[in-house]
Amino acid sequence: MAGRDGFVMKKLKPLIIGDLEIKVPIVQGGMGVKISTASLASAVANCGGAGTLASVGLGDDRQENRADYPKASREGLIYEIRQTKKSTKGIFGVNIMVALSNYEDLVSTTVKQGVDFIVSGAGLPLRLPELTEGTKIKLIPIVSSARAADIIIKTWQRRYNRIPDAIVVEGPLAGGHLGFKYEDIMSRKTDLLENITKDVITLVKNLGLKIPVIAGGGIYDGTRIADFLKLGASGVQIATPFVTTFECSVPDNFKELYLTAKEEDILIIASPVGMPGRALRTKFIDGVMKGEKRPISCNYICLKTCDPHTAPYCIAEAMFNAAIGDLDNAIVFTGAVPPKIKRIISVNELMDTLVNGALEGLNTNGSQEHLFTVKELADYLKMQPITIYKHAEQGKLPSFKVGASWRFKKATIDKWIEEQEKTRYNDAK
């Protein structure tokens, strides 16, 4: 990555949310439990994206904390926000699920600590403006349909005389709990993210509003980013690829599970909270799929829809187990597409790869000014790639770097060729 003021951040159109300018239009998705923590969110923010803390289950899973789960969660969230602020001056926010029993407390805590935005899904955040009244925190609901977006927009307008600062659209290929019916996902009756995104963009336009729409769910590389930017999205939300970075705080065996995963290892489960979820195969998941039940000892119902008397297992406990690397007793949520880079890399390298791919995707089919790679320019000029590379390194060709790779603007190269020909002609006179 070229740095906070480098070329990469200037080439993609920034994501503007009110008075926030996110230089790289990538919002890192909130992943719980204890996946999207300060180390990851701050690293993404330092690369010009928007970092996101996941607020769910941030208290240590000790017996004394189970006795007062809301207090432990509150203190854990305060710690992560403060750690993030120590590590970055960039833009970051908190993901708070409506389905959490301590939703209001977590929103209140976030407001008091002060962050740039709150992302809220797993239910319709109809009261979010009331809970954040008098603050400048940007409010970003997550929806899985234009209908949900319409309800939120009109409810907020009617009750609070305000609209969302942005909207995240999550499609059926997202990870974790999904805003679709189990049977629809299994029968592939859910709409594509592309269609839902277009529907929400059209809705916003027809309402005469200007609300940035951020597409998320199954966006795993730069080509997919470019697809949605071309579609009219103002930015994208990406989560799963960030798990396999050095800065993600989960144990190495957690990351290894992602790196070695094949498509057949990604399963749809019926979560005890009443929503379908997408997870990686583990010994625990195999047991769940066979109908095995595990006794639940619950002092606090952390999710509004959970009934510990009928739930086959405690999903919070299973996700805590994942966070400490006890994968045989864990649920590990994931997006529909395994990581494309099969090694642990830095957030910086991942962001660079994503932006590089997006730039190349946006410059295909002539939608923007064409950029040559070294090989493409070598073919264009009928020269060896090594010669092109050396000329770029020596400053003999008009060029710039996207990450570690040289790129060449076609229009600038054509002008350079014209100048070279004029020089040769003048020298020959």
Protein backbone atom coordinates (compact mmCIF):
# COMPACT_ATOMS: atom_id res chain seq x y z
CA MET A 1 0.00 0.00 0.00
CA ALA A 2 1.31 3.38 -0.88
CA GLY A 3 0.50 4.89 2.52
CA ARG A 4 -2.34 7.03 3.80
CA ASP A 5 -1.66 9.73 1.23
CA GLY A 6 -0.27 7.44 -1.47
CA PHE A 7 -1.48 6.77 -5.00
CA VAL A 8 -3.65 3.77 -4.17
CA MET A 9 -5.88 5.77 -1.89
CA LYS A 10 -6.34 8.54 -4.42
CA LYS A 11 -7.20 6.34 -7.41
CA LEU A 12 -10.33 4.62 -6.08
CA LYS A 13 -13.13 7.06 -5.44
CA PRO A 14 -13.38 7.53 -1.66
CA LEU A 15 -16.45 6.47 0.27
CA ILE A 16 -18.09 9.62 1.62
CA ILE A 17 -20.42 9.18 4.61
CA GLY A 18 -21.51 12.62 5.75
CA ASP A 19 -18.34 14.43 6.78
CA LEU A 20 -16.31 11.19 6.84
CA GLU A 21 -14.02 10.49 3.91
CA ILE A 22 -12.95 6.86 3.77
CA LYS A 23 -10.06 7.04 1.31
CA VAL A 24 -10.28 3.38 0.33
CA PRO A 25 -13.98 2.45 -0.08
CA ILE A 26 -13.63 -0.79 1.89
CA VAL A 27 -15.44 -1.31 5.19
CA GLN A 28 -14.02 -4.25 7.15
CA GLY A 29 -16.97 -6.28 8.37
CA GLY A 30 -17.60 -6.87 12.05
CA MET A 31 -16.96 -10.51 13.02
CA GLY A 32 -17.66 -11.95 16.42
CA VAL A 33 -16.80 -13.39 18.81
CA LYS A 34 -13.46 -11.59 19.28
CA ILE A 35 -12.44 -11.72 15.62
CA SER A 36 -12.87 -8.07 14.69
CA THR A 37 -10.95 -6.55 17.60
CA ALA A 38 -8.74 -3.47 17.97
CA SER A 39 -5.67 -4.94 16.25
CA LEU A 40 -7.60 -5.67 13.04
CA ALA A 41 -9.85 -2.60 12.99
CA SER A 42 -6.95 -0.20 13.57
CA ALA A 43 -4.82 -1.86 10.88
CA VAL A 44 -7.60 -1.46 8.31
CA ALA A 45 -8.15 2.15 9.35
CA ASN A 46 -4.42 2.83 9.03
CA CYS A 47 -4.60 1.61 5.43
CA GLY A 48 -7.34 4.11 4.60
CA GLY A 49 -10.32 1.78 4.95
CA ALA A 50 -12.96 1.74 7.69
CA GLY A 51 -12.20 -0.61 10.58
CA THR A 52 -15.04 -2.21 12.50
CA LEU A 53 -15.14 -3.70 16.00
CA ALA A 54 -17.65 -6.48 16.64
CA SER A 55 -19.32 -5.72 19.99
CA VAL A 56 -20.69 -9.19 20.71
CA GLY A 57 -19.11 -11.24 23.51
CA LEU A 58 -16.10 -9.05 24.26
CA GLY A 59 -16.06 -9.96 27.96
CA ASP A 60 -13.72 -12.82 28.90
CA ASP A 61 -15.61 -16.12 29.19
CA ARG A 62 -14.79 -16.61 32.86
CA GLN A 63 -17.25 -17.71 35.53
CA GLU A 64 -17.24 -14.32 37.25
CA ASN A 65 -18.01 -12.59 33.95
CA ARG A 66 -20.84 -15.01 33.19
CA ALA A 67 -22.43 -13.86 36.44
CA ASP A 68 -22.66 -10.32 35.04
CA TYR A 69 -22.49 -10.71 31.29
CA PRO A 70 -23.67 -7.14 30.44
CA LYS A 71 -20.95 -5.61 32.66
CA ALA A 72 -18.26 -7.85 31.16
CA SER A 73 -19.44 -7.03 27.63
CA ARG A 74 -19.51 -3.31 28.37
CA GLU A 75 -15.99 -3.32 29.83
CA GLY A 76 -14.69 -5.41 26.94
CA LEU A 77 -16.14 -3.00 24.39
CA ILE A 78 -14.68 0.03 26.21
CA TYR A 79 -11.27 -1.66 26.19
CA GLU A 80 -11.38 -2.45 22.46
CA ILE A 81 -12.51 1.08 21.51
CA ARG A 82 -9.74 2.64 23.60
CA GLN A 83 -7.12 0.28 22.19
CA THR A 84 -8.24 1.10 18.65
CA LYS A 85 -7.97 4.83 19.35
CA LYS A 86 -4.43 4.32 20.64
CA SER A 87 -3.46 2.51 17.43
CA THR A 88 -5.01 4.66 14.71
CA LYS A 89 -6.14 8.14 13.76
CA GLY A 90 -8.18 6.57 10.96
CA ILE A 91 -11.90 5.90 10.69
CA PHE A 92 -13.47 3.08 12.68
CA GLY A 93 -16.81 2.09 14.13
CA VAL A 94 -18.66 -0.64 16.02
CA ASN A 95 -21.02 -3.36 14.78
CA ILE A 96 -23.89 -3.88 17.24
CA MET A 97 -26.49 -6.57 16.53
CA VAL A 98 -30.12 -5.67 17.21
CA ALA A 99 -30.66 -9.28 18.35
CA LEU A 100 -28.40 -8.80 21.40
CA SER A 101 -30.20 -8.57 24.73
CA ASN A 102 -27.80 -5.82 25.82
CA TYR A 103 -28.17 -3.92 22.53
CA GLU A 104 -29.16 -0.63 24.12
CA ASP A 105 -26.35 -0.82 26.69
CA LEU A 106 -23.76 -1.47 23.96
CA VAL A 107 -25.07 1.44 21.88
CA SER A 108 -24.95 3.72 24.94
CA THR A 109 -21.40 2.58 25.74
CA THR A 110 -20.29 3.18 22.16
CA VAL A 111 -21.82 6.66 22.17
CA LYS A 112 -20.03 7.57 25.41
CA GLN A 113 -16.68 6.33 24.12
CA GLY A 114 -17.08 8.09 20.77
CA VAL A 115 -16.49 6.34 17.45
CA ASP A 116 -17.09 7.35 13.85
CA PHE A 117 -20.03 5.05 13.07
CA ILE A 118 -22.32 2.30 14.29
CA VAL A 119 -23.26 -0.54 11.95
CA SER A 120 -26.37 -2.41 13.05
CA GLY A 121 -28.10 -5.48 11.68
CA ALA A 122 -29.46 -8.91 12.75
CA GLY A 123 -32.82 -7.21 13.06
CA LEU A 124 -34.14 -3.79 12.08
CA PRO A 125 -32.45 -1.00 14.09
CA LEU A 126 -35.59 1.13 14.20
CA ARG A 127 -34.70 2.87 17.50
CA LEU A 128 -31.03 3.52 16.76
CA PRO A 129 -31.47 7.29 16.13
CA GLU A 130 -33.22 7.64 19.51
CA LEU A 131 -30.36 5.84 21.28
CA THR A 132 -27.72 8.07 19.66
CA GLU A 133 -29.58 11.38 19.70
CA GLY A 134 -27.36 14.44 20.02
CA THR A 135 -24.22 12.74 18.69
CA LYS A 136 -22.37 12.95 15.39
CA ILE A 137 -21.94 9.18 15.12
CA LYS A 138 -22.91 7.97 11.66
CA LEU A 139 -25.69 5.37 11.67
CA ILE A 140 -25.46 2.54 9.15
CA PRO A 141 -28.16 -0.16 9.13
CA ILE A 142 -27.54 -3.55 7.54
CA VAL A 143 -30.32 -4.90 5.31
CA SER A 144 -30.89 -7.92 3.12
CA SER A 145 -33.68 -6.46 0.99
CA ALA A 146 -34.94 -3.18 -0.42
CA ARG A 147 -38.10 -3.71 1.65
CA ALA A 148 -36.09 -3.66 4.88
CA ALA A 149 -34.25 -0.53 3.71
CA ASP A 150 -37.57 1.13 2.89
CA ILE A 151 -39.00 0.35 6.35
CA ILE A 152 -35.92 1.73 8.13
CA ILE A 153 -35.71 4.89 6.03
CA LYS A 154 -39.41 5.76 6.38
CA THR A 155 -39.52 4.89 10.08
CA TRP A 156 -36.48 7.06 10.83
CA GLN A 157 -37.91 9.91 8.78
CA ARG A 158 -41.28 9.73 10.52
CA ARG A 159 -40.03 9.28 14.07
CA TYR A 160 -36.73 11.15 14.11
CA ASN A 161 -36.67 13.35 11.01
CA ARG A 162 -33.44 11.76 9.82
CA ILE A 163 -32.20 9.14 7.39
CA PRO A 164 -29.40 6.55 7.51
CA ASP A 165 -25.95 7.97 6.84
CA ALA A 166 -25.24 4.89 4.71
CA ILE A 167 -26.78 1.45 4.16
CA VAL A 168 -24.94 -1.87 4.05
CA VAL A 169 -26.61 -4.44 1.82
CA GLU A 170 -25.70 -8.02 2.80
CA GLY A 171 -26.42 -10.77 0.31
CA PRO A 172 -26.90 -14.53 0.80
CA LEU A 173 -23.17 -15.29 0.40
CA ALA A 174 -22.23 -13.44 3.60
CA GLY A 175 -20.85 -15.20 6.66
CA GLY A 176 -22.38 -15.63 10.10
CA HIS A 177 -26.08 -15.24 10.72
CA LEU A 178 -27.99 -14.48 7.53
CA GLY A 179 -31.06 -12.34 6.95
CA PHE A 180 -32.74 -14.96 4.78
CA LYS A 181 -34.93 -17.99 5.42
CA TYR A 182 -33.07 -21.28 5.87
CA GLU A 183 -35.15 -23.05 3.24
CA ASP A 184 -34.61 -20.24 0.71
CA ILE A 185 -30.84 -20.42 1.12
CA MET A 186 -30.82 -24.21 0.84
CA SER A 187 -33.03 -24.14 -2.26
CA ARG A 188 -31.06 -21.20 -3.71
CA LYS A 189 -34.20 -19.05 -3.92
CA THR A 190 -32.50 -16.03 -2.42
CA ASP A 191 -31.81 -13.07 -4.68
CA LEU A 192 -28.26 -12.27 -5.76
CA LEU A 193 -26.37 -9.50 -3.98
CA GLU A 194 -26.14 -7.67 -7.30
CA ASN A 195 -29.93 -7.55 -7.60
CA ILE A 196 -30.53 -6.55 -3.98
CA THR A 197 -27.90 -3.81 -4.25
CA LYS A 198 -29.50 -2.44 -7.41
CA ASP A 199 -32.91 -2.54 -5.74
CA VAL A 200 -31.67 -0.54 -2.74
CA ILE A 201 -29.86 1.97 -4.97
CA THR A 202 -33.07 2.40 -7.00
CA LEU A 203 -35.13 2.78 -3.82
CA VAL A 204 -32.87 5.52 -2.49
CA LYS A 205 -32.97 7.31 -5.84
CA ASN A 206 -36.77 7.05 -6.13
CA LEU A 207 -37.13 8.50 -2.62
CA GLY A 208 -35.08 11.48 -3.76
CA LEU A 209 -32.37 10.80 -1.19
CA LYS A 210 -28.58 10.62 -1.25
CA ILE A 211 -27.54 7.67 0.87
CA PRO A 212 -24.30 5.77 0.10
CA VAL A 213 -25.01 2.08 -0.49
CA ILE A 214 -22.32 -0.38 0.58
CA ALA A 215 -22.46 -3.92 -0.82
CA GLY A 216 -21.33 -6.90 1.27
CA GLY A 217 -21.39 -10.68 1.32
CA GLY A 218 -19.23 -12.82 -0.96
CA ILE A 219 -16.98 -9.94 -2.08
CA TYR A 220 -13.56 -11.54 -1.80
CA ASP A 221 -11.27 -9.87 -4.35
CA GLY A 222 -10.66 -6.72 -6.37
CA THR A 223 -12.64 -7.92 -9.36
CA ARG A 224 -15.76 -8.26 -7.22
CA ILE A 225 -15.13 -4.84 -5.70
CA ALA A 226 -14.99 -3.37 -9.21
CA ASP A 227 -18.22 -5.17 -10.15
CA PHE A 228 -20.14 -3.45 -7.37
CA LEU A 229 -18.56 -0.06 -7.85
CA LYS A 230 -19.59 -0.25 -11.51
CA LEU A 231 -23.07 -1.23 -10.36
CA GLY A 232 -23.36 2.04 -8.45
CA ALA A 233 -22.37 1.01 -4.91
CA SER A 234 -20.35 3.67 -3.08
CA GLY A 235 -18.22 1.07 -1.32
CA VAL A 236 -18.01 -2.55 -0.23
CA GLN A 237 -17.98 -4.45 3.05
CA ILE A 238 -15.47 -7.30 3.29
CA ALA A 239 -14.97 -9.62 6.25
CA THR A 240 -13.75 -13.21 5.69
CA PRO A 241 -10.46 -12.34 3.87
CA PHE A 242 -9.36 -10.30 6.91
CA VAL A 243 -9.42 -13.37 9.18
CA THR A 244 -6.22 -14.72 7.65
CA THR A 245 -4.15 -11.62 8.37
CA PHE A 246 -1.44 -11.23 10.99
CA GLU A 247 -3.43 -8.47 12.67
CA CYS A 248 -6.54 -10.58 13.24
CA SER A 249 -6.32 -11.69 16.87
CA VAL A 250 -7.70 -15.24 16.53
CA PRO A 251 -5.35 -18.22 17.12
CA ASP A 252 -3.33 -19.68 14.25
CA ASN A 253 -5.34 -22.91 14.13
CA PHE A 254 -8.47 -20.79 13.58
CA LYS A 255 -6.78 -19.11 10.59
CA GLU A 256 -5.49 -22.46 9.32
CA LEU A 257 -9.06 -23.77 9.22
CA TYR A 258 -9.88 -20.95 6.79
CA LEU A 259 -6.74 -21.44 4.69
CA THR A 260 -7.32 -25.14 4.17
CA ALA A 261 -11.10 -24.89 3.68
CA LYS A 262 -12.69 -26.16 0.49
CA GLU A 263 -16.14 -25.22 -0.75
CA GLU A 264 -17.57 -28.50 0.57
CA ASP A 265 -16.36 -27.53 4.07
CA ILE A 266 -18.69 -24.51 4.12
CA LEU A 267 -22.11 -25.41 5.52
CA ILE A 268 -25.42 -23.74 6.28
CA ILE A 269 -26.58 -24.46 9.83
CA ALA A 270 -29.82 -23.72 11.65
CA SER A 271 -28.71 -21.56 14.56
CA PRO A 272 -30.53 -21.87 17.90
CA VAL A 273 -31.25 -18.13 17.70
CA GLY A 274 -33.71 -18.79 14.89
CA MET A 275 -31.58 -17.70 11.96
CA PRO A 276 -29.54 -19.66 9.42
CA GLY A 277 -25.79 -19.26 9.59
CA ARG A 278 -22.84 -20.11 7.35
CA ALA A 279 -19.98 -21.89 9.09
CA LEU A 280 -16.91 -24.02 8.47
CA ARG A 281 -17.05 -27.74 9.15
CA THR A 282 -15.73 -28.68 12.59
CA LYS A 283 -16.24 -31.71 14.83
CA PHE A 284 -18.83 -29.65 16.72
CA ILE A 285 -20.70 -28.75 13.52
CA ASP A 286 -20.74 -32.39 12.41
CA GLY A 287 -22.43 -33.26 15.70
CA VAL A 288 -24.94 -30.41 15.29
CA MET A 289 -25.80 -31.59 11.78
CA LYS A 290 -26.49 -35.08 13.22
CA GLY A 291 -28.89 -33.61 15.77
CA GLU A 292 -26.62 -33.89 18.82
CA LYS A 293 -27.50 -31.65 21.75
CA ARG A 294 -25.30 -30.15 24.44
CA PRO A 295 -26.63 -29.10 27.84
CA ILE A 296 -26.80 -25.34 28.40
CA SER A 297 -26.06 -23.56 31.66
CA CYS A 298 -27.04 -19.94 31.02
CA ASN A 299 -27.11 -17.12 33.58
CA TYR A 300 -27.90 -14.52 30.96
CA ILE A 301 -29.74 -14.85 27.66
CA CYS A 302 -27.35 -12.88 25.43
CA LEU A 303 -29.61 -13.08 22.35
CA LYS A 304 -33.24 -11.98 22.53
CA THR A 305 -34.53 -14.93 20.51
CA CYS A 306 -32.62 -17.67 22.33
CA ASP A 307 -34.47 -20.07 24.60
CA PRO A 308 -31.87 -22.02 26.62
CA HIS A 309 -34.53 -24.60 27.58
CA THR A 310 -35.07 -25.66 23.97
CA ALA A 311 -31.83 -24.62 22.20
CA PRO A 312 -29.68 -27.65 21.29
CA TYR A 313 -26.47 -25.84 22.29
CA CYS A 314 -25.18 -22.44 23.39
CA ILE A 315 -23.96 -20.63 20.31
CA ALA A 316 -22.17 -17.99 22.41
CA GLU A 317 -20.13 -20.71 24.15
CA ALA A 318 -19.32 -22.36 20.81
CA MET A 319 -18.08 -19.05 19.43
CA PHE A 320 -16.04 -18.31 22.57
CA ASN A 321 -14.42 -21.71 22.05
CA ALA A 322 -13.48 -20.71 18.49
CA ALA A 323 -11.86 -17.52 19.77
CA ILE A 324 -9.54 -19.49 22.06
CA GLY A 325 -8.73 -22.14 19.44
CA ASP A 326 -10.84 -25.02 20.85
CA LEU A 327 -12.13 -25.85 17.38
CA ASP A 328 -13.48 -29.31 18.22
CA ASN A 329 -16.10 -27.57 20.35
CA ALA A 330 -16.54 -24.49 18.20
CA ILE A 331 -18.61 -22.78 15.56
CA VAL A 332 -16.47 -20.86 13.08
CA PHE A 333 -18.56 -18.59 10.88
CA THR A 334 -17.36 -17.79 7.37
CA GLY A 335 -18.42 -16.27 4.08
CA ALA A 336 -19.38 -18.48 1.14
CA VAL A 337 -15.99 -18.19 -0.58
CA PRO A 338 -12.80 -19.51 1.09
CA PRO A 339 -9.83 -17.08 1.15
CA LYS A 340 -8.17 -16.83 -2.25
CA ILE A 341 -4.73 -16.11 -0.76
CA LYS A 342 -3.61 -19.35 0.85
CA ARG A 343 -1.23 -17.88 3.43
CA ILE A 344 -1.35 -15.49 6.33
CA ILE A 345 -0.57 -11.96 5.15
CA SER A 346 -0.62 -8.45 6.56
CA VAL A 347 -3.68 -6.21 6.37
CA ASN A 348 -1.51 -3.85 4.34
CA GLU A 349 -0.82 -6.53 1.72
CA LEU A 350 -4.46 -7.62 1.61
CA MET A 351 -5.70 -4.05 1.15
CA ASP A 352 -3.09 -3.49 -1.53
CA THR A 353 -4.15 -6.66 -3.37
CA LEU A 354 -7.83 -5.73 -3.15
CA VAL A 355 -7.31 -2.18 -4.39
CA ASN A 356 -4.93 -3.29 -7.13
CA GLY A 357 -7.51 -5.81 -8.37
CA ALA A 358 -10.29 -3.24 -8.17
CA LEU A 359 -8.29 -0.74 -10.22
CA GLU A 360 -7.63 -3.34 -12.87
CA GLY A 361 -11.30 -4.38 -12.86
CA LEU A 362 -12.46 -0.79 -13.26
CA ASN A 363 -10.12 -0.29 -16.18
CA THR A 364 -11.37 -3.26 -18.15
CA ASN A 365 -13.80 -2.67 -21.01
CA GLY A 366 -12.74 0.97 -21.30
CA SER A 367 -14.96 2.20 -18.49
CA GLN A 368 -12.08 4.33 -17.29
CA GLU A 369 -8.68 5.19 -18.73
CA HIS A 370 -6.84 1.97 -19.55
CA LEU A 371 -3.86 0.97 -17.43
CA PHE A 372 -1.18 -1.34 -18.83
CA THR A 373 0.57 -3.95 -16.72
CA VAL A 374 4.27 -4.55 -17.49
CA LYS A 375 3.41 -7.53 -19.69
CA GLU A 376 0.61 -5.69 -21.52
CA LEU A 377 2.87 -2.72 -22.22
CA ALA A 378 5.63 -5.05 -23.41
CA ASP A 379 3.20 -6.54 -25.93
CA TYR A 380 1.95 -3.09 -26.92
CA LEU A 381 5.47 -1.75 -27.53
CA LYS A 382 6.83 -5.07 -28.81
CA MET A 383 9.56 -5.09 -26.15
CA GLN A 384 10.68 -7.59 -23.53
CA PRO A 385 8.93 -7.29 -20.11
CA ILE A 386 12.33 -7.03 -18.38
CA THR A 387 13.16 -3.99 -20.52
CA ILE A 388 9.87 -2.34 -19.59
CA TYR A 389 10.53 -3.06 -15.92
CA LYS A 390 14.05 -1.60 -16.07
CA HIS A 391 12.86 1.52 -17.91
CA ALA A 392 10.18 2.03 -15.25
CA GLU A 393 12.70 1.60 -12.45
CA GLN A 394 15.09 4.06 -14.12
CA GLY A 395 12.36 6.62 -14.76
CA LYS A 396 12.64 6.30 -18.55
CA LEU A 397 8.94 5.48 -18.92
CA PRO A 398 5.97 7.44 -17.50
CA SER A 399 4.75 5.06 -14.82
CA PHE A 400 3.53 4.70 -11.26
CA LYS A 401 3.22 1.94 -8.72
CA VAL A 402 0.08 0.24 -7.44
CA GLY A 403 1.47 -1.51 -4.39
CA ALA A 404 4.56 -3.35 -5.64
CA SER A 405 3.46 -3.41 -9.29
CA TRP A 406 4.18 -0.93 -12.07
CA ARG A 407 1.27 0.49 -14.04
CA PHE A 408 1.21 2.66 -17.18
CA LYS A 409 -1.57 4.91 -18.46
CA LYS A 410 -2.28 4.20 -22.11
CA ALA A 411 -2.94 7.84 -22.96
CA THR A 412 0.34 8.89 -21.32
CA ILE A 413 2.26 6.11 -23.09
CA ASP A 414 0.78 7.09 -26.46
CA LYS A 415 1.91 10.66 -25.85
CA TRP A 416 5.36 9.42 -24.79
CA ILE A 417 5.62 7.37 -28.03
CA GLU A 418 4.69 10.47 -30.04
CA GLU A 419 7.38 12.50 -28.28
CA GLN A 420 9.97 9.78 -28.85
CA GLU A 421 9.13 9.73 -32.55
CA LYS A 422 9.44 13.52 -32.77
CA THR A 423 12.80 13.37 -31.03
CA ARG A 424 14.06 10.70 -33.44
CA TYR A 425 12.78 12.71 -36.41
CA ASN A 426 14.51 15.89 -35.20
CA ASP A 427 17.73 14.01 -34.52
CA ALA A 428 17.67 12.59 -38.04
CA LYS A 429 17.38 16.05 -39.67
